[in-house]
PDB file of N, CA and C in Angstrom:
ATOM      1  N   MET A   1       6.874  15.010 -13.700  1.00  0.00           N
ATOM      2  CA  MET A   1       5.593  14.338 -13.423  1.00  0.00           C
ATOM      3  C   MET A   1       5.661  13.639 -12.065  1.00  0.00           C
ATOM      4  N   ASP A   2       4.590  13.739 -11.313  1.00  0.00           N
ATOM      5  CA  ASP A   2       4.506  13.042 -10.024  1.00  0.00           C
ATOM      6  C   ASP A   2       4.339  11.547 -10.275  1.00  0.00           C
ATOM      7  N   VAL A   3       5.299  10.775  -9.790  1.00  0.00           N
ATOM      8  CA  VAL A   3       5.288   9.330 -10.055  1.00  0.00           C
ATOM      9  C   VAL A   3       4.048   8.681  -9.459  1.00  0.00           C
ATOM     10  N   LEU A   4       3.685   9.063  -8.237  1.00  0.00           N
ATOM     11  CA  LEU A   4       2.519   8.455  -7.597  1.00  0.00           C
ATOM     12  C   LEU A   4       1.247   8.762  -8.387  1.00  0.00           C
ATOM     13  N   ALA A   5       1.100  10.003  -8.811  1.00  0.00           N
ATOM     14  CA  ALA A   5      -0.083  10.370  -9.596  1.00  0.00           C
ATOM     15  C   ALA A   5      -0.114   9.593 -10.907  1.00  0.00           C
ATOM     16  N   PHE A   6       1.048   9.423 -11.514  1.00  0.00           N
ATOM     17  CA  PHE A   6       1.128   8.653 -12.764  1.00  0.00           C
ATOM     18  C   PHE A   6       0.690   7.216 -12.532  1.00  0.00           C
ATOM     19  N   ASN A   7       1.195   6.595 -11.461  1.00  0.00           N
ATOM     20  CA  ASN A   7       0.832   5.208 -11.162  1.00  0.00           C
ATOM     21  C   ASN A   7      -0.664   5.088 -10.881  1.00  0.00           C
ATOM     22  N   VAL A   8      -1.191   5.974 -10.049  1.00  0.00           N
ATOM     23  CA  VAL A   8      -2.606   5.912  -9.683  1.00  0.00           C
ATOM     24  C   VAL A   8      -3.490   6.090 -10.911  1.00  0.00           C
ATOM     25  N   ALA A   9      -3.048   6.919 -11.861  1.00  0.00           N
ATOM     26  CA  ALA A   9      -3.858   7.180 -13.050  1.00  0.00           C
ATOM     27  C   ALA A   9      -3.757   6.049 -14.069  1.00  0.00           C
ATOM     28  N   CYS A  10      -2.570   5.494 -14.247  1.00  0.00           N
ATOM     29  CA  CYS A  10      -2.324   4.583 -15.375  1.00  0.00           C
ATOM     30  C   CYS A  10      -2.439   3.107 -14.999  1.00  0.00           C
ATOM     31  N   ILE A  11      -1.915   2.730 -13.842  1.00  0.00           N
ATOM     32  CA  ILE A  11      -1.878   1.309 -13.494  1.00  0.00           C
ATOM     33  C   ILE A  11      -3.282   0.710 -13.413  1.00  0.00           C
ATOM     34  N   PRO A  12      -4.235   1.313 -12.686  1.00  0.00           N
ATOM     35  CA  PRO A  12      -5.579   0.705 -12.629  1.00  0.00           C
ATOM     36  C   PRO A  12      -6.230   0.585 -14.002  1.00  0.00           C
ATOM     37  N   ALA A  13      -5.988   1.548 -14.873  1.00  0.00           N
ATOM     38  CA  ALA A  13      -6.545   1.474 -16.225  1.00  0.00           C
ATOM     39  C   ALA A  13      -5.958   0.285 -16.976  1.00  0.00           C
ATOM     40  N   LEU A  14      -4.657   0.087 -16.836  1.00  0.00           N
ATOM     41  CA  LEU A  14      -4.019  -1.058 -17.486  1.00  0.00           C
ATOM     42  C   LEU A  14      -4.544  -2.365 -16.907  1.00  0.00           C
ATOM     43  N   VAL A  15      -4.715  -2.407 -15.594  1.00  0.00           N
ATOM     44  CA  VAL A  15      -5.220  -3.623 -14.950  1.00  0.00           C
ATOM     45  C   VAL A  15      -6.630  -3.941 -15.447  1.00  0.00           C
ATOM     46  N   MET A  16      -7.466  -2.925 -15.576  1.00  0.00           N
ATOM     47  CA  MET A  16      -8.828  -3.161 -16.058  1.00  0.00           C
ATOM     48  C   MET A  16      -8.815  -3.655 -17.500  1.00  0.00           C
ATOM     49  N   LEU A  17      -7.899  -3.113 -18.318  1.00  0.00           N
ATOM     50  CA  LEU A  17      -7.820  -3.544 -19.714  1.00  0.00           C
ATOM     51  C   LEU A  17      -7.322  -4.978 -19.818  1.00  0.00           C
ATOM     52  N   ILE A  18      -6.278  -5.293 -19.064  1.00  0.00           N
ATOM     53  CA  ILE A  18      -5.681  -6.631 -19.153  1.00  0.00           C
ATOM     54  C   ILE A  18      -6.487  -7.627 -18.320  1.00  0.00           C
ATOM     55  N   ASN A  19      -6.901  -7.206 -17.117  1.00  0.00           N
ATOM     56  CA  ASN A  19      -7.750  -8.006 -16.236  1.00  0.00           C
ATOM     57  C   ASN A  19      -7.138  -9.373 -15.963  1.00  0.00           C
ATOM     58  N   SER A  20      -5.894  -9.389 -15.484  1.00  0.00           N
ATOM     59  CA  SER A  20      -5.234 -10.648 -15.158  1.00  0.00           C
ATOM     60  C   SER A  20      -4.558 -10.551 -13.793  1.00  0.00           C
ATOM     61  N   PRO A  21      -4.436 -11.669 -13.065  1.00  0.00           N
ATOM     62  CA  PRO A  21      -3.773 -11.659 -11.760  1.00  0.00           C
ATOM     63  C   PRO A  21      -2.340 -11.146 -11.843  1.00  0.00           C
ATOM     64  N   VAL A  22      -1.645 -11.461 -12.923  1.00  0.00           N
ATOM     65  CA  VAL A  22      -0.254 -11.018 -13.059  1.00  0.00           C
ATOM     66  C   VAL A  22      -0.178  -9.503 -13.145  1.00  0.00           C
ATOM     67  N   SER A  23      -1.034  -8.889 -13.940  1.00  0.00           N
ATOM     68  CA  SER A  23      -1.011  -7.435 -14.062  1.00  0.00           C
ATOM     69  C   SER A  23      -1.397  -6.788 -12.729  1.00  0.00           C
ATOM     70  N   GLY A  24      -2.301  -7.419 -11.987  1.00  0.00           N
ATOM     71  CA  GLY A  24      -2.657  -6.907 -10.669  1.00  0.00           C
ATOM     72  C   GLY A  24      -1.475  -6.925  -9.720  1.00  0.00           C
ATOM     73  N   SER A  25      -0.688  -8.002  -9.763  1.00  0.00           N
ATOM     74  CA  SER A  25       0.499  -8.100  -8.919  1.00  0.00           C
ATOM     75  C   SER A  25       1.527  -7.048  -9.318  1.00  0.00           C
ATOM     76  N   LEU A  26       1.708  -6.849 -10.610  1.00  0.00           N
ATOM     77  CA  LEU A  26       2.655  -5.839 -11.085  1.00  0.00           C
ATOM     78  C   LEU A  26       2.206  -4.446 -10.659  1.00  0.00           C
ATOM     79  N   ALA A  27       0.909  -4.189 -10.707  1.00  0.00           N
ATOM     80  CA  ALA A  27       0.399  -2.891 -10.285  1.00  0.00           C
ATOM     81  C   ALA A  27       0.683  -2.663  -8.804  1.00  0.00           C
ATOM     82  N   THR A  28       0.487  -3.692  -7.984  1.00  0.00           N
ATOM     83  CA  THR A  28       0.758  -3.575  -6.555  1.00  0.00           C
ATOM     84  C   THR A  28       2.224  -3.256  -6.313  1.00  0.00           C
ATOM     85  N   VAL A  29       3.112  -3.958  -7.001  1.00  0.00           N
ATOM     86  CA  VAL A  29       4.550  -3.729  -6.838  1.00  0.00           C
ATOM     87  C   VAL A  29       4.934  -2.334  -7.309  1.00  0.00           C
ATOM     88  N   ALA A  30       4.308  -1.867  -8.383  1.00  0.00           N
ATOM     89  CA  ALA A  30       4.652  -0.562  -8.946  1.00  0.00           C
ATOM     90  C   ALA A  30       4.173   0.580  -8.053  1.00  0.00           C
ATOM     91  N   VAL A  31       2.999   0.406  -7.432  1.00  0.00           N
ATOM     92  CA  VAL A  31       2.415   1.498  -6.647  1.00  0.00           C
ATOM     93  C   VAL A  31       3.052   1.596  -5.265  1.00  0.00           C
ATOM     94  N   ARG A  32       3.368   0.502  -4.641  1.00  0.00           N
ATOM     95  CA  ARG A  32       3.862   0.523  -3.264  1.00  0.00           C
ATOM     96  C   ARG A  32       5.129   1.356  -3.063  1.00  0.00           C
ATOM     97  N   PRO A  33       6.184   1.188  -3.881  1.00  0.00           N
ATOM     98  CA  PRO A  33       7.392   1.984  -3.660  1.00  0.00           C
ATOM     99  C   PRO A  33       7.135   3.486  -3.762  1.00  0.00           C
ATOM    100  N   ALA A  34       6.325   3.913  -4.718  1.00  0.00           N
ATOM    101  CA  ALA A  34       6.022   5.333  -4.868  1.00  0.00           C
ATOM    102  C   ALA A  34       5.271   5.842  -3.640  1.00  0.00           C
ATOM    103  N   ALA A  35       4.320   5.065  -3.141  1.00  0.00           N
ATOM    104  CA  ALA A  35       3.554   5.463  -1.967  1.00  0.00           C
ATOM    105  C   ALA A  35       4.470   5.554  -0.746  1.00  0.00           C
ATOM    106  N   ASP A  36       5.388   4.615  -0.604  1.00  0.00           N
ATOM    107  CA  ASP A  36       6.298   4.625   0.536  1.00  0.00           C
ATOM    108  C   ASP A  36       7.213   5.847   0.495  1.00  0.00           C
ATOM    109  N   GLU A  37       7.642   6.237  -0.696  1.00  0.00           N
ATOM    110  CA  GLU A  37       8.535   7.385  -0.824  1.00  0.00           C
ATOM    111  C   GLU A  37       7.796   8.698  -0.574  1.00  0.00           C
ATOM    112  N   ASP A  38       6.572   8.782  -1.050  1.00  0.00           N
ATOM    113  CA  ASP A  38       5.819  10.024  -0.921  1.00  0.00           C
ATOM    114  C   ASP A  38       5.225  10.200   0.477  1.00  0.00           C
ATOM    115  N   PHE A  39       4.942   9.089   1.145  1.00  0.00           N
ATOM    116  CA  PHE A  39       4.313   9.146   2.460  1.00  0.00           C
ATOM    117  C   PHE A  39       5.084   8.280   3.457  1.00  0.00           C
ATOM    118  N   PRO A  40       6.287   8.716   3.852  1.00  0.00           N
ATOM    119  CA  PRO A  40       7.126   7.875   4.717  1.00  0.00           C
ATOM    120  C   PRO A  40       6.518   7.646   6.096  1.00  0.00           C
ATOM    121  N   ASP A  41       5.614   8.529   6.541  1.00  0.00           N
ATOM    122  CA  ASP A  41       5.039   8.394   7.876  1.00  0.00           C
ATOM    123  C   ASP A  41       3.888   7.401   7.910  1.00  0.00           C
ATOM    124  N   VAL A  42       3.421   6.973   6.746  1.00  0.00           N
ATOM    125  CA  VAL A  42       2.236   6.107   6.703  1.00  0.00           C
ATOM    126  C   VAL A  42       2.614   4.653   6.831  1.00  0.00           C
TER     127      VAL A  42
END
């Protein structure tokens, strides 16, 4: 499974369900490393 696709699909859904600043921060931390690995030039 593509980790970035998994994060993009699941994290925002979890954030909307929980709707808390903490979950938003966790989503940011979870998505950034995958994005950096998949797109090193960005």
